[in-house]
């Protein structure tokens, strides 16, 4: 697993993961239930930007895909990608626990 090399970014990584796991359950899931496109687009956009900022290009590209899914009302695809994002976050979290 490729993690950021910047020590400051690595220090912030656990908080990044926790914040996103919380945001997915507290903001994303309710927005999906209500098909709140504006909120979902904002979350997907933030996934894109914050993931790229932490050096997770795959997750940043996933955010771009999710933005497109919101625009196309592809709710099933959006839910699948949200779950993929959540699983990747947990994988990173477990990796950090086991390698520090």
C-alpha atoms as a PDB file:
ATOM      1  CA  UNK A   1       0.000   0.000   0.000  1.00  0.00           C
ATOM      2  CA  UNK A   2       1.398   3.378  -1.012  1.00  0.00           C
ATOM      3  CA  UNK A   3       1.083   5.936   1.753  1.00  0.00           C
ATOM      4  CA  UNK A   4       2.026   9.623   1.636  1.00  0.00           C
ATOM      5  CA  UNK A   5       5.724  10.233   2.282  1.00  0.00           C
ATOM      6  CA  UNK A   6       5.277  13.618   3.955  1.00  0.00           C
ATOM      7  CA  UNK A   7       5.507  13.084   7.749  1.00  0.00           C
ATOM      8  CA  UNK A   8       2.975  15.851   8.437  1.00  0.00           C
ATOM      9  CA  UNK A   9       0.468  14.289   6.043  1.00  0.00           C
ATOM     10  CA  UNK A  10       1.054  10.858   7.610  1.00  0.00           C
ATOM     11  CA  UNK A  11       0.361  12.369  11.014  1.00  0.00           C
ATOM     12  CA  UNK A  12      -2.989  13.674   9.771  1.00  0.00           C
ATOM     13  CA  UNK A  13      -3.958  10.444   8.004  1.00  0.00           C
ATOM     14  CA  UNK A  14      -5.775   8.754  10.942  1.00  0.00           C
ATOM     15  CA  UNK A  15      -7.917  11.858  11.405  1.00  0.00           C
ATOM     16  CA  UNK A  16      -8.597  11.987   7.645  1.00  0.00           C
ATOM     17  CA  UNK A  17      -9.876   8.411   7.762  1.00  0.00           C
ATOM     18  CA  UNK A  18     -11.992   8.879  10.884  1.00  0.00           C
ATOM     19  CA  UNK A  19     -13.510  12.089   9.540  1.00  0.00           C
ATOM     20  CA  UNK A  20     -14.450  10.408   6.267  1.00  0.00           C
ATOM     21  CA  UNK A  21     -15.946   7.328   7.899  1.00  0.00           C
ATOM     22  CA  UNK A  22     -18.057   9.619  10.051  1.00  0.00           C
ATOM     23  CA  UNK A  23     -19.039  11.831   7.117  1.00  0.00           C
ATOM     24  CA  UNK A  24     -20.137   8.816   5.075  1.00  0.00           C
ATOM     25  CA  UNK A  25     -22.564   7.680   7.750  1.00  0.00           C
ATOM     26  CA  UNK A  26     -23.672  11.103   9.005  1.00  0.00           C
ATOM     27  CA  UNK A  27     -23.931  13.011   5.718  1.00  0.00           C
ATOM     28  CA  UNK A  28     -23.664  10.751   2.684  1.00  0.00           C
ATOM     29  CA  UNK A  29     -26.162   8.085   3.756  1.00  0.00           C
ATOM     30  CA  UNK A  30     -28.956  10.545   4.647  1.00  0.00           C
ATOM     31  CA  UNK A  31     -28.320  12.466   1.411  1.00  0.00           C
ATOM     32  CA  UNK A  32     -28.616   9.217  -0.555  1.00  0.00           C
ATOM     33  CA  UNK A  33     -31.931   8.415   1.106  1.00  0.00           C
ATOM     34  CA  UNK A  34     -33.252  11.804   0.064  1.00  0.00           C
ATOM     35  CA  UNK A  35     -31.507  11.789  -3.338  1.00  0.00           C
ATOM     36  CA  UNK A  36     -30.035  15.163  -2.338  1.00  0.00           C
ATOM     37  CA  UNK A  37     -27.929  15.793  -5.441  1.00  0.00           C
ATOM     38  CA  UNK A  38     -26.412  19.040  -4.171  1.00  0.00           C
ATOM     39  CA  UNK A  39     -25.081  17.478  -0.965  1.00  0.00           C
ATOM     40  CA  UNK A  40     -23.938  14.314  -2.727  1.00  0.00           C
ATOM     41  CA  UNK A  41     -22.080  16.313  -5.367  1.00  0.00           C
ATOM     42  CA  UNK A  42     -20.365  18.389  -2.667  1.00  0.00           C
ATOM     43  CA  UNK A  43     -19.303  15.252  -0.805  1.00  0.00           C
ATOM     44  CA  UNK A  44     -18.017  13.608  -4.005  1.00  0.00           C
ATOM     45  CA  UNK A  45     -16.115  16.785  -4.873  1.00  0.00           C
ATOM     46  CA  UNK A  46     -14.558  16.819  -1.412  1.00  0.00           C
ATOM     47  CA  UNK A  47     -13.641  13.129  -1.732  1.00  0.00           C
ATOM     48  CA  UNK A  48     -11.841  14.035  -4.941  1.00  0.00           C
ATOM     49  CA  UNK A  49      -9.919  16.971  -3.521  1.00  0.00           C
ATOM     50  CA  UNK A  50      -8.995  15.567  -0.136  1.00  0.00           C
ATOM     51  CA  UNK A  51      -7.962  12.208  -1.571  1.00  0.00           C
ATOM     52  CA  UNK A  52      -5.657  13.824  -4.104  1.00  0.00           C
ATOM     53  CA  UNK A  53      -4.288  16.065  -1.337  1.00  0.00           C
ATOM     54  CA  UNK A  54      -3.327  12.982   0.677  1.00  0.00           C
ATOM     55  CA  UNK A  55      -1.795  11.315  -2.376  1.00  0.00           C
ATOM     56  CA  UNK A  56      -4.527   8.730  -2.930  1.00  0.00           C
ATOM     57  CA  UNK A  57      -4.968   9.108  -6.678  1.00  0.00           C
ATOM     58  CA  UNK A  58      -7.270   6.089  -6.992  1.00  0.00           C
ATOM     59  CA  UNK A  59      -9.645   7.576  -4.433  1.00  0.00           C
ATOM     60  CA  UNK A  60      -9.380  11.032  -5.999  1.00  0.00           C
ATOM     61  CA  UNK A  61     -10.392   9.570  -9.341  1.00  0.00           C
ATOM     62  CA  UNK A  62     -13.208   7.752  -7.577  1.00  0.00           C
ATOM     63  CA  UNK A  63     -14.466  11.145  -6.380  1.00  0.00           C
ATOM     64  CA  UNK A  64     -14.519  12.350  -9.984  1.00  0.00           C
ATOM     65  CA  UNK A  65     -16.518   9.284 -10.993  1.00  0.00           C
ATOM     66  CA  UNK A  66     -18.920   9.861  -8.112  1.00  0.00           C
ATOM     67  CA  UNK A  67     -19.449  13.471  -9.195  1.00  0.00           C
ATOM     68  CA  UNK A  68     -20.414  12.181 -12.639  1.00  0.00           C
ATOM     69  CA  UNK A  69     -22.725   9.607 -11.071  1.00  0.00           C
ATOM     70  CA  UNK A  70     -24.511  12.325  -9.108  1.00  0.00           C
ATOM     71  CA  UNK A  71     -24.950  14.367 -12.295  1.00  0.00           C
ATOM     72  CA  UNK A  72     -26.369  11.288 -14.063  1.00  0.00           C
ATOM     73  CA  UNK A  73     -28.561  10.223 -11.118  1.00  0.00           C
ATOM     74  CA  UNK A  74     -26.732   6.888 -11.045  1.00  0.00           C
ATOM     75  CA  UNK A  75     -27.726   6.147  -7.457  1.00  0.00           C
ATOM     76  CA  UNK A  76     -26.764   2.453  -7.545  1.00  0.00           C
ATOM     77  CA  UNK A  77     -23.298   3.180  -8.928  1.00  0.00           C
ATOM     78  CA  UNK A  78     -22.848   6.010  -6.443  1.00  0.00           C
ATOM     79  CA  UNK A  79     -23.747   3.726  -3.531  1.00  0.00           C
ATOM     80  CA  UNK A  80     -21.334   1.058  -4.793  1.00  0.00           C
ATOM     81  CA  UNK A  81     -18.504   3.583  -5.055  1.00  0.00           C
ATOM     82  CA  UNK A  82     -19.273   4.995  -1.618  1.00  0.00           C
ATOM     83  CA  UNK A  83     -18.904   1.476  -0.253  1.00  0.00           C
ATOM     84  CA  UNK A  84     -15.641   0.987  -2.195  1.00  0.00           C
ATOM     85  CA  UNK A  85     -14.334   4.257  -0.693  1.00  0.00           C
ATOM     86  CA  UNK A  86     -15.364   3.146   2.811  1.00  0.00           C
ATOM     87  CA  UNK A  87     -13.632  -0.226   2.406  1.00  0.00           C
ATOM     88  CA  UNK A  88     -10.436   1.438   1.150  1.00  0.00           C
ATOM     89  CA  UNK A  89     -10.452   3.784   4.138  1.00  0.00           C
ATOM     90  CA  UNK A  90     -10.777   0.833   6.505  1.00  0.00           C
ATOM     91  CA  UNK A  91      -7.962  -0.978   4.680  1.00  0.00           C
ATOM     92  CA  UNK A  92      -5.692   2.061   5.138  1.00  0.00           C
ATOM     93  CA  UNK A  93      -6.742   2.324   8.783  1.00  0.00           C
ATOM     94  CA  UNK A  94      -5.913  -1.359   9.391  1.00  0.00           C
ATOM     95  CA  UNK A  95      -2.592  -1.012   7.572  1.00  0.00           C
ATOM     96  CA  UNK A  96      -1.646   1.930   9.793  1.00  0.00           C
ATOM     97  CA  UNK A  97      -2.576   0.005  12.947  1.00  0.00           C
ATOM     98  CA  UNK A  98      -0.537  -3.013  11.910  1.00  0.00           C
ATOM     99  CA  UNK A  99       2.524  -1.116  10.652  1.00  0.00           C
ATOM    100  CA  UNK A 100       3.128   1.535  13.305  1.00  0.00           C
END
